[in-house]
Amino acid sequence: MPEAANNTPVHLGMTKEEVLKALGHKPKSIQTSPRGEVWHYDNVELAAIPFNFGFRPEFKNYMFDNNGILVDFNATQPTK
């Protein structure tokens, strides 16, 4: 389960406001559909830092229903 910046774990059933507060920053992009919203986060801009040999990409998606409730999320953690 992804751990949030302020040490509040993100969990199913949270509202969009609660997830935003837990993560500490807005998503990089938001996709909407008739079923709700998907918030996308990643760290790919860190790849552009010179000599960042330890860079590992991370991708996180948070899916909300039409009522703004978190119904699913996933995270691709970097490989070592």
C-alpha atoms as a PDB file:
ATOM      1  CA  MET A   1       0.000   0.000   0.000  1.00  0.00           C
ATOM      2  CA  PRO A   2       1.472   3.396  -0.915  1.00  0.00           C
ATOM      3  CA  GLU A   3       2.576   5.404   2.072  1.00  0.00           C
ATOM      4  CA  ALA A   4       1.749   9.094   2.041  1.00  0.00           C
ATOM      5  CA  ALA A   5       4.088  12.018   2.559  1.00  0.00           C
ATOM      6  CA  ASN A   6       2.649  12.860   5.988  1.00  0.00           C
ATOM      7  CA  ASN A   7       2.713   9.191   7.099  1.00  0.00           C
ATOM      8  CA  THR A   8      -1.049   8.803   6.676  1.00  0.00           C
ATOM      9  CA  PRO A   9      -1.602   5.634   4.664  1.00  0.00           C
ATOM     10  CA  VAL A  10      -3.896   5.957   1.680  1.00  0.00           C
ATOM     11  CA  HIS A  11      -6.737   3.433   1.858  1.00  0.00           C
ATOM     12  CA  LEU A  12      -9.950   2.601   0.054  1.00  0.00           C
ATOM     13  CA  GLY A  13     -12.965   4.662   1.063  1.00  0.00           C
ATOM     14  CA  MET A  14     -11.067   7.937   1.450  1.00  0.00           C
ATOM     15  CA  THR A  15     -12.449  11.078  -0.196  1.00  0.00           C
ATOM     16  CA  LYS A  16     -10.503  13.014  -2.816  1.00  0.00           C
ATOM     17  CA  GLU A  17      -9.780  15.689  -0.221  1.00  0.00           C
ATOM     18  CA  GLU A  18      -8.401  13.121   2.237  1.00  0.00           C
ATOM     19  CA  VAL A  19      -6.166  11.561  -0.429  1.00  0.00           C
ATOM     20  CA  LEU A  20      -4.905  14.978  -1.522  1.00  0.00           C
ATOM     21  CA  LYS A  21      -4.103  15.900   2.074  1.00  0.00           C
ATOM     22  CA  ALA A  22      -2.371  12.552   2.694  1.00  0.00           C
ATOM     23  CA  LEU A  23      -0.228  12.770  -0.443  1.00  0.00           C
ATOM     24  CA  GLY A  24       0.617  16.429   0.077  1.00  0.00           C
ATOM     25  CA  HIS A  25       0.455  17.554  -3.562  1.00  0.00           C
ATOM     26  CA  LYS A  26      -1.835  17.610  -6.567  1.00  0.00           C
ATOM     27  CA  PRO A  27      -1.697  14.840  -9.160  1.00  0.00           C
ATOM     28  CA  LYS A  28       0.366  15.267 -12.309  1.00  0.00           C
ATOM     29  CA  SER A  29      -2.728  14.525 -14.403  1.00  0.00           C
ATOM     30  CA  ILE A  30      -6.407  13.715 -13.933  1.00  0.00           C
ATOM     31  CA  GLN A  31      -8.434  11.606 -16.346  1.00  0.00           C
ATOM     32  CA  THR A  32     -12.219  11.669 -16.175  1.00  0.00           C
ATOM     33  CA  SER A  33     -14.715   9.124 -17.426  1.00  0.00           C
ATOM     34  CA  PRO A  34     -18.397   8.398 -16.859  1.00  0.00           C
ATOM     35  CA  ARG A  35     -17.305   6.127 -13.990  1.00  0.00           C
ATOM     36  CA  GLY A  36     -15.211   8.744 -12.126  1.00  0.00           C
ATOM     37  CA  GLU A  37     -11.655  10.102 -12.042  1.00  0.00           C
ATOM     38  CA  VAL A  38      -8.166   8.648 -12.138  1.00  0.00           C
ATOM     39  CA  TRP A  39      -5.348  10.650 -10.577  1.00  0.00           C
ATOM     40  CA  HIS A  40      -1.880   9.922 -11.949  1.00  0.00           C
ATOM     41  CA  TYR A  41       1.414  10.558 -10.163  1.00  0.00           C
ATOM     42  CA  ASP A  42       4.932   9.756 -11.348  1.00  0.00           C
ATOM     43  CA  ASN A  43       8.502  10.886 -10.831  1.00  0.00           C
ATOM     44  CA  VAL A  44       9.822  10.670 -14.404  1.00  0.00           C
ATOM     45  CA  GLU A  45      11.046  14.276 -14.373  1.00  0.00           C
ATOM     46  CA  LEU A  46      13.784  13.143 -11.969  1.00  0.00           C
ATOM     47  CA  ALA A  47      15.387  11.205 -14.839  1.00  0.00           C
ATOM     48  CA  ALA A  48      16.540  14.533 -16.318  1.00  0.00           C
ATOM     49  CA  ILE A  49      18.786  15.325 -13.346  1.00  0.00           C
ATOM     50  CA  PRO A  50      22.409  14.949 -14.474  1.00  0.00           C
ATOM     51  CA  PHE A  51      24.282  12.045 -12.897  1.00  0.00           C
ATOM     52  CA  ASN A  52      21.116  10.676 -11.278  1.00  0.00           C
ATOM     53  CA  PHE A  53      22.347   7.109 -11.695  1.00  0.00           C
ATOM     54  CA  GLY A  54      20.118   5.786  -8.916  1.00  0.00           C
ATOM     55  CA  PHE A  55      16.904   6.954 -10.580  1.00  0.00           C
ATOM     56  CA  ARG A  56      14.041   4.456 -10.483  1.00  0.00           C
ATOM     57  CA  PRO A  57      10.684   5.426 -12.025  1.00  0.00           C
ATOM     58  CA  GLU A  58       7.555   5.216  -9.885  1.00  0.00           C
ATOM     59  CA  PHE A  59       3.970   5.355 -11.140  1.00  0.00           C
ATOM     60  CA  LYS A  60       0.867   5.683  -8.944  1.00  0.00           C
ATOM     61  CA  ASN A  61      -2.804   5.800  -9.914  1.00  0.00           C
ATOM     62  CA  TYR A  62      -5.769   6.540  -7.658  1.00  0.00           C
ATOM     63  CA  MET A  63      -9.279   5.762  -8.953  1.00  0.00           C
ATOM     64  CA  PHE A  64     -12.310   7.606  -7.576  1.00  0.00           C
ATOM     65  CA  ASP A  65     -15.991   6.916  -8.222  1.00  0.00           C
ATOM     66  CA  ASN A  66     -18.498   9.618  -9.175  1.00  0.00           C
ATOM     67  CA  ASN A  67     -19.012  10.405  -5.484  1.00  0.00           C
ATOM     68  CA  GLY A  68     -15.308  11.236  -5.022  1.00  0.00           C
ATOM     69  CA  ILE A  69     -14.534   8.082  -3.009  1.00  0.00           C
ATOM     70  CA  LEU A  70     -11.306   6.126  -3.566  1.00  0.00           C
ATOM     71  CA  VAL A  71     -12.305   2.749  -4.997  1.00  0.00           C
ATOM     72  CA  ASP A  72      -8.938   1.441  -6.253  1.00  0.00           C
ATOM     73  CA  PHE A  73      -5.270   2.396  -6.424  1.00  0.00           C
ATOM     74  CA  ASN A  74      -2.015   0.907  -7.573  1.00  0.00           C
ATOM     75  CA  ALA A  75       1.653   1.735  -7.453  1.00  0.00           C
ATOM     76  CA  THR A  76       4.533   0.515  -9.554  1.00  0.00           C
ATOM     77  CA  GLN A  77       7.498   0.520  -7.208  1.00  0.00           C
ATOM     78  CA  PRO A  78      11.023   0.872  -8.579  1.00  0.00           C
ATOM     79  CA  THR A  79      13.134  -2.214  -9.016  1.00  0.00           C
ATOM     80  CA  LYS A  80      16.496  -2.341  -7.314  1.00  0.00           C
END
